[in-house]
N, C-alpha and C. Protein backbone atom coordinates (compact mmCIF):
# COMPACT_ATOMS: atom_id res chain seq x y z
N MET A 1 2.29 1.28 -10.01
CA MET A 1 3.22 1.03 -8.94
C MET A 1 3.28 2.28 -8.09
N ALA A 2 3.39 2.10 -6.80
CA ALA A 2 3.52 3.22 -5.88
C ALA A 2 4.99 3.58 -5.77
N VAL A 3 5.31 4.82 -6.15
CA VAL A 3 6.70 5.28 -6.12
C VAL A 3 6.72 6.75 -5.74
N ASP A 4 7.66 7.11 -4.88
CA ASP A 4 7.84 8.50 -4.49
C ASP A 4 8.53 9.23 -5.63
N LEU A 5 7.78 10.02 -6.37
CA LEU A 5 8.32 10.68 -7.55
C LEU A 5 9.31 11.79 -7.21
N THR A 6 9.41 12.15 -5.92
CA THR A 6 10.39 13.16 -5.52
C THR A 6 11.74 12.52 -5.16
N ASN A 7 11.77 11.19 -5.10
CA ASN A 7 13.00 10.46 -4.77
C ASN A 7 13.61 9.92 -6.07
N GLN A 8 14.70 10.54 -6.52
CA GLN A 8 15.29 10.17 -7.82
C GLN A 8 15.74 8.72 -7.84
N ARG A 9 16.26 8.20 -6.73
CA ARG A 9 16.69 6.80 -6.69
C ARG A 9 15.50 5.87 -6.87
N ALA A 10 14.36 6.21 -6.28
CA ALA A 10 13.15 5.39 -6.44
C ALA A 10 12.66 5.46 -7.88
N VAL A 11 12.71 6.63 -8.47
CA VAL A 11 12.29 6.79 -9.88
C VAL A 11 13.21 5.98 -10.78
N ASP A 12 14.53 6.07 -10.56
CA ASP A 12 15.48 5.29 -11.37
C ASP A 12 15.22 3.80 -11.24
N ALA A 13 14.95 3.35 -10.01
CA ALA A 13 14.67 1.92 -9.79
C ALA A 13 13.38 1.52 -10.50
N ALA A 14 12.37 2.37 -10.47
CA ALA A 14 11.11 2.07 -11.15
C ALA A 14 11.32 1.97 -12.65
N LEU A 15 12.14 2.84 -13.19
CA LEU A 15 12.43 2.78 -14.63
C LEU A 15 13.18 1.51 -14.99
N ARG A 16 14.16 1.11 -14.14
CA ARG A 16 14.90 -0.15 -14.38
C ARG A 16 13.96 -1.34 -14.29
N PHE A 17 13.07 -1.30 -13.30
CA PHE A 17 12.11 -2.39 -13.12
C PHE A 17 11.21 -2.50 -14.35
N ASN A 18 10.69 -1.39 -14.81
CA ASN A 18 9.83 -1.42 -16.00
C ASN A 18 10.60 -1.90 -17.21
N ASP A 19 11.86 -1.52 -17.32
CA ASP A 19 12.69 -1.99 -18.44
C ASP A 19 12.84 -3.51 -18.40
N LYS A 20 13.02 -4.06 -17.20
CA LYS A 20 13.13 -5.52 -17.05
C LYS A 20 11.86 -6.21 -17.51
N ARG A 21 10.73 -5.53 -17.34
CA ARG A 21 9.44 -6.11 -17.74
C ARG A 21 9.10 -5.76 -19.18
N ASP A 22 10.07 -5.21 -19.91
CA ASP A 22 9.85 -4.77 -21.29
C ASP A 22 8.75 -3.72 -21.40
N LYS A 23 8.64 -2.89 -20.37
CA LYS A 23 7.69 -1.77 -20.38
C LYS A 23 8.50 -0.49 -20.28
N ARG A 24 8.97 -0.04 -21.41
CA ARG A 24 9.77 1.16 -21.43
C ARG A 24 8.87 2.37 -21.27
N VAL A 25 9.18 3.16 -20.25
CA VAL A 25 8.34 4.29 -19.89
C VAL A 25 9.20 5.54 -19.82
N CYS A 26 8.71 6.61 -20.36
CA CYS A 26 9.38 7.90 -20.24
C CYS A 26 9.34 8.31 -18.77
N PRO A 27 10.45 8.83 -18.23
CA PRO A 27 10.44 9.23 -16.81
C PRO A 27 9.29 10.18 -16.47
N ASN A 28 8.92 11.03 -17.39
CA ASN A 28 7.83 11.97 -17.13
C ASN A 28 6.47 11.29 -17.11
N ALA A 29 6.40 10.03 -17.57
CA ALA A 29 5.13 9.32 -17.62
C ALA A 29 4.87 8.51 -16.36
N LEU A 30 5.84 8.42 -15.46
CA LEU A 30 5.62 7.67 -14.22
C LEU A 30 4.58 8.38 -13.36
N VAL A 31 3.72 7.60 -12.76
CA VAL A 31 2.73 8.15 -11.83
C VAL A 31 2.77 7.34 -10.55
N ASN A 32 2.38 7.96 -9.47
CA ASN A 32 2.33 7.29 -8.18
C ASN A 32 0.93 6.68 -8.02
N ASP A 33 0.85 5.36 -8.09
CA ASP A 33 -0.42 4.65 -7.98
C ASP A 33 -0.46 3.93 -6.63
N ASN A 34 -1.02 4.56 -5.63
CA ASN A 34 -1.05 3.98 -4.28
C ASN A 34 -1.96 2.77 -4.17
N GLU A 35 -2.78 2.50 -5.18
CA GLU A 35 -3.66 1.33 -5.16
C GLU A 35 -2.99 0.10 -5.76
N SER A 36 -1.80 0.27 -6.32
CA SER A 36 -1.08 -0.82 -6.97
C SER A 36 -0.56 -1.82 -5.93
N PRO A 37 -0.49 -3.11 -6.29
CA PRO A 37 0.11 -4.09 -5.38
C PRO A 37 1.64 -3.98 -5.35
N MET A 38 2.22 -3.14 -6.21
CA MET A 38 3.67 -2.94 -6.24
C MET A 38 4.02 -1.62 -5.58
N LYS A 39 5.06 -1.63 -4.76
CA LYS A 39 5.48 -0.42 -4.07
C LYS A 39 6.99 -0.36 -4.03
N VAL A 40 7.56 0.81 -4.30
CA VAL A 40 9.00 1.03 -4.23
C VAL A 40 9.30 1.61 -2.85
N VAL A 41 10.19 0.94 -2.10
CA VAL A 41 10.53 1.42 -0.76
C VAL A 41 12.03 1.30 -0.53
N LEU A 42 12.52 2.04 0.45
CA LEU A 42 13.91 1.90 0.87
C LEU A 42 14.01 0.70 1.81
N ALA A 43 15.13 -0.01 1.74
CA ALA A 43 15.32 -1.20 2.57
C ALA A 43 15.19 -0.88 4.05
N LYS A 44 15.62 0.31 4.43
CA LYS A 44 15.54 0.67 5.86
C LYS A 44 14.10 0.78 6.35
N ASP A 45 13.14 0.86 5.42
CA ASP A 45 11.73 0.97 5.79
C ASP A 45 10.97 -0.34 5.67
N LEU A 46 11.66 -1.43 5.37
CA LEU A 46 10.98 -2.71 5.19
C LEU A 46 10.23 -3.16 6.44
N HIS A 47 10.75 -2.80 7.61
CA HIS A 47 10.09 -3.22 8.85
C HIS A 47 8.69 -2.61 9.01
N LEU A 48 8.37 -1.61 8.21
CA LEU A 48 7.06 -0.97 8.28
C LEU A 48 5.99 -1.72 7.48
N HIS A 49 6.40 -2.75 6.75
CA HIS A 49 5.49 -3.45 5.85
C HIS A 49 5.31 -4.90 6.27
N ASN A 50 4.07 -5.34 6.29
CA ASN A 50 3.72 -6.72 6.63
C ASN A 50 3.08 -7.39 5.43
N ASN A 51 3.17 -8.71 5.41
CA ASN A 51 2.51 -9.51 4.37
C ASN A 51 2.94 -9.10 2.96
N VAL A 52 4.25 -8.97 2.78
CA VAL A 52 4.80 -8.57 1.48
C VAL A 52 5.95 -9.48 1.09
N GLU A 53 6.29 -9.44 -0.18
CA GLU A 53 7.47 -10.12 -0.71
C GLU A 53 8.27 -9.09 -1.50
N LEU A 54 9.56 -9.33 -1.64
CA LEU A 54 10.38 -8.50 -2.51
C LEU A 54 10.26 -9.00 -3.94
N VAL A 55 10.37 -8.08 -4.88
CA VAL A 55 10.49 -8.44 -6.28
C VAL A 55 11.92 -8.12 -6.68
N CYS A 56 12.66 -9.14 -7.12
CA CYS A 56 14.08 -8.99 -7.44
C CYS A 56 14.28 -8.50 -8.88
N PRO A 57 15.49 -8.02 -9.20
CA PRO A 57 15.76 -7.58 -10.56
C PRO A 57 15.50 -8.64 -11.63
N ASP A 58 15.59 -9.92 -11.26
CA ASP A 58 15.29 -10.97 -12.25
C ASP A 58 13.80 -11.32 -12.25
N LEU A 59 13.00 -10.51 -11.52
CA LEU A 59 11.54 -10.61 -11.42
C LEU A 59 11.04 -11.78 -10.58
N THR A 60 11.95 -12.47 -9.88
CA THR A 60 11.52 -13.49 -8.93
C THR A 60 11.08 -12.79 -7.65
N ARG A 61 10.36 -13.51 -6.81
CA ARG A 61 9.93 -12.96 -5.52
C ARG A 61 10.68 -13.68 -4.41
N LYS A 62 11.03 -12.91 -3.37
CA LYS A 62 11.74 -13.47 -2.22
C LYS A 62 11.20 -12.83 -0.94
N PRO A 63 11.47 -13.47 0.21
CA PRO A 63 11.06 -12.88 1.48
C PRO A 63 11.84 -11.58 1.73
N ILE A 64 11.28 -10.70 2.54
CA ILE A 64 11.94 -9.40 2.77
C ILE A 64 13.29 -9.56 3.47
N THR A 65 13.53 -10.69 4.09
CA THR A 65 14.83 -10.91 4.73
C THR A 65 15.96 -11.01 3.71
N ASP A 66 15.64 -11.18 2.44
CA ASP A 66 16.65 -11.29 1.37
C ASP A 66 16.94 -9.96 0.70
N TYR A 67 16.68 -8.85 1.38
CA TYR A 67 16.84 -7.53 0.75
C TYR A 67 18.27 -7.25 0.30
N LYS A 68 19.27 -7.88 0.93
CA LYS A 68 20.66 -7.61 0.53
C LYS A 68 20.97 -8.13 -0.86
N SER A 69 20.32 -9.20 -1.27
CA SER A 69 20.57 -9.77 -2.60
C SER A 69 19.44 -9.50 -3.58
N CYS A 70 18.35 -8.95 -3.10
CA CYS A 70 17.17 -8.75 -3.94
C CYS A 70 16.74 -7.28 -3.85
N ASN A 71 17.50 -6.42 -4.56
CA ASN A 71 17.17 -4.99 -4.54
C ASN A 71 17.63 -4.35 -5.84
N PHE A 72 17.17 -3.16 -6.07
CA PHE A 72 17.48 -2.45 -7.31
C PHE A 72 18.52 -1.37 -7.11
N ASP A 73 19.17 -1.36 -5.95
CA ASP A 73 20.20 -0.37 -5.66
C ASP A 73 21.12 -0.99 -4.62
N SER A 74 22.40 -0.94 -4.84
CA SER A 74 23.32 -1.71 -3.99
C SER A 74 23.70 -1.06 -2.67
N LYS A 75 23.28 0.14 -2.39
CA LYS A 75 23.59 0.77 -1.10
C LYS A 75 22.68 0.12 -0.05
N LEU A 76 23.17 -0.89 0.59
CA LEU A 76 22.30 -1.82 1.32
C LEU A 76 21.35 -1.20 2.33
N ARG A 77 21.82 -0.39 3.25
CA ARG A 77 20.90 0.13 4.26
C ARG A 77 19.79 0.95 3.62
N THR A 78 20.13 1.63 2.53
CA THR A 78 19.12 2.45 1.86
C THR A 78 18.80 1.89 0.47
N ALA A 79 18.96 0.59 0.31
CA ALA A 79 18.66 -0.03 -0.98
C ALA A 79 17.22 0.25 -1.39
N VAL A 80 17.02 0.36 -2.67
CA VAL A 80 15.68 0.54 -3.19
C VAL A 80 15.11 -0.84 -3.51
N THR A 81 13.98 -1.15 -2.91
CA THR A 81 13.38 -2.47 -3.10
C THR A 81 11.96 -2.33 -3.63
N PHE A 82 11.48 -3.39 -4.24
CA PHE A 82 10.11 -3.45 -4.73
C PHE A 82 9.36 -4.45 -3.87
N LEU A 83 8.23 -4.04 -3.36
CA LEU A 83 7.39 -4.93 -2.57
C LEU A 83 6.20 -5.37 -3.39
N PHE A 84 5.84 -6.64 -3.24
CA PHE A 84 4.60 -7.13 -3.81
C PHE A 84 3.70 -7.43 -2.62
N ILE A 85 2.57 -6.76 -2.56
CA ILE A 85 1.65 -6.92 -1.44
C ILE A 85 0.78 -8.14 -1.70
N LYS A 86 0.88 -9.10 -0.82
CA LYS A 86 0.13 -10.36 -0.97
C LYS A 86 -1.35 -10.17 -0.74
């Protein structure tokens, strides 16, 4: 998964996401994989991405317009979201 390892909120969201998938990972074991179809982004940056879907905490996928209800951090304008690149 592509995640900014310098952004603690993104790292926390990645750890929560992995936990939901039953993939418990040590925080020090996270790596930034820019080739992955999964990307952690802030909601305010969603407009920069095309042809993507959100991955919700329940692991369902939704359109990016649903970022208010489908995110891993409740601070809406800067919510942490997971994108699945189609």
